[in-house]
């Protein structure tokens, strides 16, 4: 019997949760048209996917934040607690 649209979508989403590390996590977010266009342009500029661009920007921003946090407060940051 043929799968319904919902079943096909569920299969697709499950299949795409696996990344190079063996697991992924889905985020669903609505951003402005301008932000979406900026992300697309940056990804094209750097020759990467939008996902890779977003991951690079978040990692770079976190590195900057960690440099500003006192070493003793970094564990609180990783625990999601505001020092």
C-alpha atoms as a PDB file:
ATOM      1  CA  UNK A   1       0.000   0.000   0.000  1.00  0.00           C
ATOM      2  CA  UNK A   2       1.258   3.513  -0.824  1.00  0.00           C
ATOM      3  CA  UNK A   3       2.437   5.798   1.950  1.00  0.00           C
ATOM      4  CA  UNK A   4       0.506   8.943   2.795  1.00  0.00           C
ATOM      5  CA  UNK A   5       2.166  12.360   2.486  1.00  0.00           C
ATOM      6  CA  UNK A   6       2.586  12.488   6.268  1.00  0.00           C
ATOM      7  CA  UNK A   7       4.278   9.072   6.289  1.00  0.00           C
ATOM      8  CA  UNK A   8       6.659  10.075   3.493  1.00  0.00           C
ATOM      9  CA  UNK A   9       7.517  13.307   5.309  1.00  0.00           C
ATOM     10  CA  UNK A  10       8.151  11.453   8.570  1.00  0.00           C
ATOM     11  CA  UNK A  11      10.457   8.995   6.775  1.00  0.00           C
ATOM     12  CA  UNK A  12      12.333  11.857   5.094  1.00  0.00           C
ATOM     13  CA  UNK A  13      12.778  13.747   8.378  1.00  0.00           C
ATOM     14  CA  UNK A  14      13.974  10.659  10.222  1.00  0.00           C
ATOM     15  CA  UNK A  15      16.456   9.824   7.453  1.00  0.00           C
ATOM     16  CA  UNK A  16      17.871  13.356   7.510  1.00  0.00           C
ATOM     17  CA  UNK A  17      18.435  13.428  11.268  1.00  0.00           C
ATOM     18  CA  UNK A  18      21.564  11.327  10.739  1.00  0.00           C
ATOM     19  CA  UNK A  19      24.707  13.372  10.062  1.00  0.00           C
ATOM     20  CA  UNK A  20      28.429  12.588   9.918  1.00  0.00           C
ATOM     21  CA  UNK A  21      28.507  12.079  13.692  1.00  0.00           C
ATOM     22  CA  UNK A  22      25.580   9.679  13.517  1.00  0.00           C
ATOM     23  CA  UNK A  23      22.940  11.965  14.960  1.00  0.00           C
ATOM     24  CA  UNK A  24      21.340  15.290  14.288  1.00  0.00           C
ATOM     25  CA  UNK A  25      18.750  17.529  15.805  1.00  0.00           C
ATOM     26  CA  UNK A  26      16.023  19.368  13.974  1.00  0.00           C
ATOM     27  CA  UNK A  27      15.252  23.009  14.670  1.00  0.00           C
ATOM     28  CA  UNK A  28      12.296  24.817  13.208  1.00  0.00           C
ATOM     29  CA  UNK A  29      12.462  28.562  13.281  1.00  0.00           C
ATOM     30  CA  UNK A  30      10.886  31.443  11.416  1.00  0.00           C
ATOM     31  CA  UNK A  31      13.249  34.284  10.522  1.00  0.00           C
ATOM     32  CA  UNK A  32      12.789  37.475   8.577  1.00  0.00           C
ATOM     33  CA  UNK A  33      13.059  37.441   4.806  1.00  0.00           C
ATOM     34  CA  UNK A  34      16.192  39.575   5.139  1.00  0.00           C
ATOM     35  CA  UNK A  35      17.847  37.095   7.505  1.00  0.00           C
ATOM     36  CA  UNK A  36      17.057  34.180   5.193  1.00  0.00           C
ATOM     37  CA  UNK A  37      18.515  36.083   2.238  1.00  0.00           C
ATOM     38  CA  UNK A  38      21.636  36.964   4.250  1.00  0.00           C
ATOM     39  CA  UNK A  39      22.161  33.326   5.191  1.00  0.00           C
ATOM     40  CA  UNK A  40      21.726  32.232   1.579  1.00  0.00           C
ATOM     41  CA  UNK A  41      24.190  34.866   0.309  1.00  0.00           C
ATOM     42  CA  UNK A  42      26.796  33.978   2.949  1.00  0.00           C
ATOM     43  CA  UNK A  43      26.513  30.274   2.159  1.00  0.00           C
ATOM     44  CA  UNK A  44      26.989  30.960  -1.550  1.00  0.00           C
ATOM     45  CA  UNK A  45      29.900  33.301  -0.842  1.00  0.00           C
ATOM     46  CA  UNK A  46      31.724  30.689   1.223  1.00  0.00           C
ATOM     47  CA  UNK A  47      30.699  27.746  -0.954  1.00  0.00           C
ATOM     48  CA  UNK A  48      28.931  25.827   1.801  1.00  0.00           C
ATOM     49  CA  UNK A  49      25.389  24.768   2.578  1.00  0.00           C
ATOM     50  CA  UNK A  50      23.151  27.028   4.626  1.00  0.00           C
ATOM     51  CA  UNK A  51      23.320  24.451   7.404  1.00  0.00           C
ATOM     52  CA  UNK A  52      27.133  24.526   7.381  1.00  0.00           C
ATOM     53  CA  UNK A  53      27.128  28.332   7.325  1.00  0.00           C
ATOM     54  CA  UNK A  54      24.780  28.506  10.295  1.00  0.00           C
ATOM     55  CA  UNK A  55      26.863  25.956  12.216  1.00  0.00           C
ATOM     56  CA  UNK A  56      30.073  27.915  11.503  1.00  0.00           C
ATOM     57  CA  UNK A  57      28.544  31.219  12.596  1.00  0.00           C
ATOM     58  CA  UNK A  58      27.174  29.748  15.830  1.00  0.00           C
ATOM     59  CA  UNK A  59      30.482  28.039  16.652  1.00  0.00           C
ATOM     60  CA  UNK A  60      32.425  31.261  16.011  1.00  0.00           C
ATOM     61  CA  UNK A  61      30.026  33.281  18.148  1.00  0.00           C
ATOM     62  CA  UNK A  62      30.282  30.775  20.987  1.00  0.00           C
ATOM     63  CA  UNK A  63      34.096  30.877  20.852  1.00  0.00           C
ATOM     64  CA  UNK A  64      33.922  34.676  21.204  1.00  0.00           C
ATOM     65  CA  UNK A  65      31.512  34.390  24.135  1.00  0.00           C
ATOM     66  CA  UNK A  66      33.710  31.829  25.886  1.00  0.00           C
ATOM     67  CA  UNK A  67      36.729  34.127  25.625  1.00  0.00           C
ATOM     68  CA  UNK A  68      34.748  36.745  27.573  1.00  0.00           C
ATOM     69  CA  UNK A  69      33.583  34.374  30.313  1.00  0.00           C
ATOM     70  CA  UNK A  70      35.826  33.839  33.322  1.00  0.00           C
ATOM     71  CA  UNK A  71      37.236  30.297  33.318  1.00  0.00           C
ATOM     72  CA  UNK A  72      35.409  29.479  36.566  1.00  0.00           C
ATOM     73  CA  UNK A  73      32.077  30.514  35.039  1.00  0.00           C
ATOM     74  CA  UNK A  74      32.390  28.417  31.873  1.00  0.00           C
ATOM     75  CA  UNK A  75      30.866  25.316  33.465  1.00  0.00           C
ATOM     76  CA  UNK A  76      27.785  27.365  34.383  1.00  0.00           C
ATOM     77  CA  UNK A  77      27.588  28.500  30.754  1.00  0.00           C
ATOM     78  CA  UNK A  78      27.665  24.895  29.519  1.00  0.00           C
ATOM     79  CA  UNK A  79      25.021  23.968  32.084  1.00  0.00           C
ATOM     80  CA  UNK A  80      22.773  26.725  30.719  1.00  0.00           C
ATOM     81  CA  UNK A  81      22.961  28.814  33.881  1.00  0.00           C
ATOM     82  CA  UNK A  82      23.625  32.533  33.764  1.00  0.00           C
ATOM     83  CA  UNK A  83      26.634  33.267  36.003  1.00  0.00           C
END
